[in-house]
Amino acid sequence: MGFVIKVLVIISALILIVFGVLFAVSNAENTASLDLVFMQPDSVNVALLVMVPFFLGVVISLLFTCVLLVKAGAQRKVLEMKLKKAKGSSSSQADAV
């Protein structure tokens, strides 16, 4: 499971980088080459083609960050429960002696 999350985070980061570069290129003065790449003469369509995946990448990155935080919180609670059980068993052993 951890490997899958790492791969998805890397893919979403690559999406952010690629579409961030494409957006920077589309905002440059010479956008004719980018228009030919997307086969869209209208600059609004090009901006949408660049920005929608960019924001999807941002949302995916935030989602995976939240998943990792929730997973870390769950692991912390499990460790706290184990620590309480360990303390409880050590105090009962001390009482028996």
C-alpha atoms as a PDB file:
ATOM      1  CA  MET A   1       0.000   0.000   0.000  1.00  0.00           C
ATOM      2  CA  GLY A   2       2.806   2.404   0.849  1.00  0.00           C
ATOM      3  CA  PHE A   3       4.482   1.758  -2.487  1.00  0.00           C
ATOM      4  CA  VAL A   4       1.269   2.578  -4.367  1.00  0.00           C
ATOM      5  CA  ILE A   5       0.896   5.867  -2.499  1.00  0.00           C
ATOM      6  CA  LYS A   6       4.511   6.813  -3.244  1.00  0.00           C
ATOM      7  CA  VAL A   7       4.048   6.073  -6.949  1.00  0.00           C
ATOM      8  CA  LEU A   8       0.835   8.108  -7.098  1.00  0.00           C
ATOM      9  CA  VAL A   9       2.472  11.056  -5.316  1.00  0.00           C
ATOM     10  CA  ILE A  10       5.375  10.963  -7.794  1.00  0.00           C
ATOM     11  CA  ILE A  11       2.963  10.821 -10.749  1.00  0.00           C
ATOM     12  CA  SER A  12       0.946  13.763  -9.418  1.00  0.00           C
ATOM     13  CA  ALA A  13       4.153  15.762  -8.873  1.00  0.00           C
ATOM     14  CA  LEU A  14       5.208  15.061 -12.467  1.00  0.00           C
ATOM     15  CA  ILE A  15       1.776  16.191 -13.669  1.00  0.00           C
ATOM     16  CA  LEU A  16       2.218  19.439 -11.739  1.00  0.00           C
ATOM     17  CA  ILE A  17       5.665  20.030 -13.215  1.00  0.00           C
ATOM     18  CA  VAL A  18       4.704  19.247 -16.816  1.00  0.00           C
ATOM     19  CA  PHE A  19       1.547  21.315 -16.857  1.00  0.00           C
ATOM     20  CA  GLY A  20       3.190  24.130 -14.920  1.00  0.00           C
ATOM     21  CA  VAL A  21       5.831  24.344 -17.651  1.00  0.00           C
ATOM     22  CA  LEU A  22       3.156  24.193 -20.354  1.00  0.00           C
ATOM     23  CA  PHE A  23       1.237  26.982 -18.638  1.00  0.00           C
ATOM     24  CA  ALA A  24       4.380  29.110 -18.444  1.00  0.00           C
ATOM     25  CA  VAL A  25       5.004  28.505 -22.138  1.00  0.00           C
ATOM     26  CA  SER A  26       1.403  29.367 -23.009  1.00  0.00           C
ATOM     27  CA  ASN A  27       1.767  32.693 -21.198  1.00  0.00           C
ATOM     28  CA  ALA A  28       4.881  33.553 -23.172  1.00  0.00           C
ATOM     29  CA  GLU A  29       4.639  35.982 -26.073  1.00  0.00           C
ATOM     30  CA  ASN A  30       5.090  33.304 -28.717  1.00  0.00           C
ATOM     31  CA  THR A  31       2.187  30.904 -28.184  1.00  0.00           C
ATOM     32  CA  ALA A  32       1.889  29.819 -31.801  1.00  0.00           C
ATOM     33  CA  SER A  33       3.950  26.667 -31.255  1.00  0.00           C
ATOM     34  CA  LEU A  34       1.817  25.682 -28.265  1.00  0.00           C
ATOM     35  CA  ASP A  35      -1.344  26.261 -30.307  1.00  0.00           C
ATOM     36  CA  LEU A  36       0.010  23.875 -32.930  1.00  0.00           C
ATOM     37  CA  VAL A  37       0.789  21.276 -30.271  1.00  0.00           C
ATOM     38  CA  PHE A  38      -2.770  21.307 -28.962  1.00  0.00           C
ATOM     39  CA  MET A  39      -4.336  21.857 -32.414  1.00  0.00           C
ATOM     40  CA  GLN A  40      -6.515  24.562 -30.872  1.00  0.00           C
ATOM     41  CA  PRO A  41      -6.437  28.006 -32.469  1.00  0.00           C
ATOM     42  CA  ASP A  42      -8.320  29.531 -29.549  1.00  0.00           C
ATOM     43  CA  SER A  43      -6.056  30.522 -26.657  1.00  0.00           C
ATOM     44  CA  VAL A  44      -8.877  29.998 -24.134  1.00  0.00           C
ATOM     45  CA  ASN A  45      -9.055  26.312 -25.057  1.00  0.00           C
ATOM     46  CA  VAL A  46      -5.283  26.023 -24.688  1.00  0.00           C
ATOM     47  CA  ALA A  47      -5.443  27.631 -21.251  1.00  0.00           C
ATOM     48  CA  LEU A  48      -8.200  25.218 -20.229  1.00  0.00           C
ATOM     49  CA  LEU A  49      -6.262  22.238 -21.535  1.00  0.00           C
ATOM     50  CA  VAL A  50      -3.292  23.317 -19.443  1.00  0.00           C
ATOM     51  CA  MET A  51      -5.015  24.547 -16.284  1.00  0.00           C
ATOM     52  CA  VAL A  52      -7.548  21.757 -15.739  1.00  0.00           C
ATOM     53  CA  PRO A  53      -4.916  18.998 -15.420  1.00  0.00           C
ATOM     54  CA  PHE A  54      -2.729  21.363 -13.380  1.00  0.00           C
ATOM     55  CA  PHE A  55      -5.465  21.908 -10.814  1.00  0.00           C
ATOM     56  CA  LEU A  56      -6.322  18.209 -10.898  1.00  0.00           C
ATOM     57  CA  GLY A  57      -2.692  17.538 -10.021  1.00  0.00           C
ATOM     58  CA  VAL A  58      -2.919  19.986  -7.119  1.00  0.00           C
ATOM     59  CA  VAL A  59      -6.099  18.329  -5.846  1.00  0.00           C
ATOM     60  CA  ILE A  60      -4.565  14.855  -6.176  1.00  0.00           C
ATOM     61  CA  SER A  61      -1.456  15.984  -4.279  1.00  0.00           C
ATOM     62  CA  LEU A  62      -3.560  17.450  -1.474  1.00  0.00           C
ATOM     63  CA  LEU A  63      -5.647  14.285  -1.328  1.00  0.00           C
ATOM     64  CA  PHE A  64      -2.589  12.071  -0.948  1.00  0.00           C
ATOM     65  CA  THR A  65      -1.178  14.414   1.686  1.00  0.00           C
ATOM     66  CA  CYS A  66      -4.405  14.058   3.665  1.00  0.00           C
ATOM     67  CA  VAL A  67      -4.318  10.270   3.269  1.00  0.00           C
ATOM     68  CA  LEU A  68      -0.753  10.154   4.568  1.00  0.00           C
ATOM     69  CA  LEU A  69      -1.637  12.388   7.534  1.00  0.00           C
ATOM     70  CA  VAL A  70      -4.634  10.225   8.453  1.00  0.00           C
ATOM     71  CA  LYS A  71      -2.520   7.087   8.150  1.00  0.00           C
ATOM     72  CA  ALA A  72       0.169   8.607  10.391  1.00  0.00           C
ATOM     73  CA  GLY A  73      -2.481   9.603  12.943  1.00  0.00           C
ATOM     74  CA  ALA A  74      -3.899   6.077  12.985  1.00  0.00           C
ATOM     75  CA  GLN A  75      -0.435   4.607  13.489  1.00  0.00           C
ATOM     76  CA  ARG A  76       0.156   7.022  16.365  1.00  0.00           C
ATOM     77  CA  LYS A  77      -3.052   5.924  18.100  1.00  0.00           C
ATOM     78  CA  VAL A  78      -2.096   2.270  17.714  1.00  0.00           C
ATOM     79  CA  LEU A  79       1.326   2.961  19.215  1.00  0.00           C
ATOM     80  CA  GLU A  80      -0.252   4.875  22.111  1.00  0.00           C
ATOM     81  CA  MET A  81      -2.566   1.928  22.823  1.00  0.00           C
ATOM     82  CA  LYS A  82       0.384  -0.484  22.790  1.00  0.00           C
ATOM     83  CA  LEU A  83       2.293   1.820  25.140  1.00  0.00           C
ATOM     84  CA  LYS A  84      -0.646   1.965  27.569  1.00  0.00           C
ATOM     85  CA  LYS A  85      -0.938  -1.822  27.510  1.00  0.00           C
ATOM     86  CA  ALA A  86       2.798  -2.173  28.117  1.00  0.00           C
ATOM     87  CA  LYS A  87       2.650   0.247  31.048  1.00  0.00           C
ATOM     88  CA  GLY A  88      -0.354  -1.582  32.466  1.00  0.00           C
ATOM     89  CA  SER A  89       1.341  -4.966  32.294  1.00  0.00           C
ATOM     90  CA  SER A  90       4.555  -3.637  33.859  1.00  0.00           C
ATOM     91  CA  SER A  91       2.654  -2.077  36.786  1.00  0.00           C
ATOM     92  CA  SER A  92       0.762  -5.326  37.426  1.00  0.00           C
ATOM     93  CA  GLN A  93       4.065  -7.204  37.464  1.00  0.00           C
ATOM     94  CA  ALA A  94       5.441  -4.725  39.992  1.00  0.00           C
ATOM     95  CA  ASP A  95       2.369  -5.254  42.213  1.00  0.00           C
ATOM     96  CA  ALA A  96       2.831  -9.031  42.073  1.00  0.00           C
ATOM     97  CA  VAL A  97       6.409  -8.744  43.326  1.00  0.00           C
END
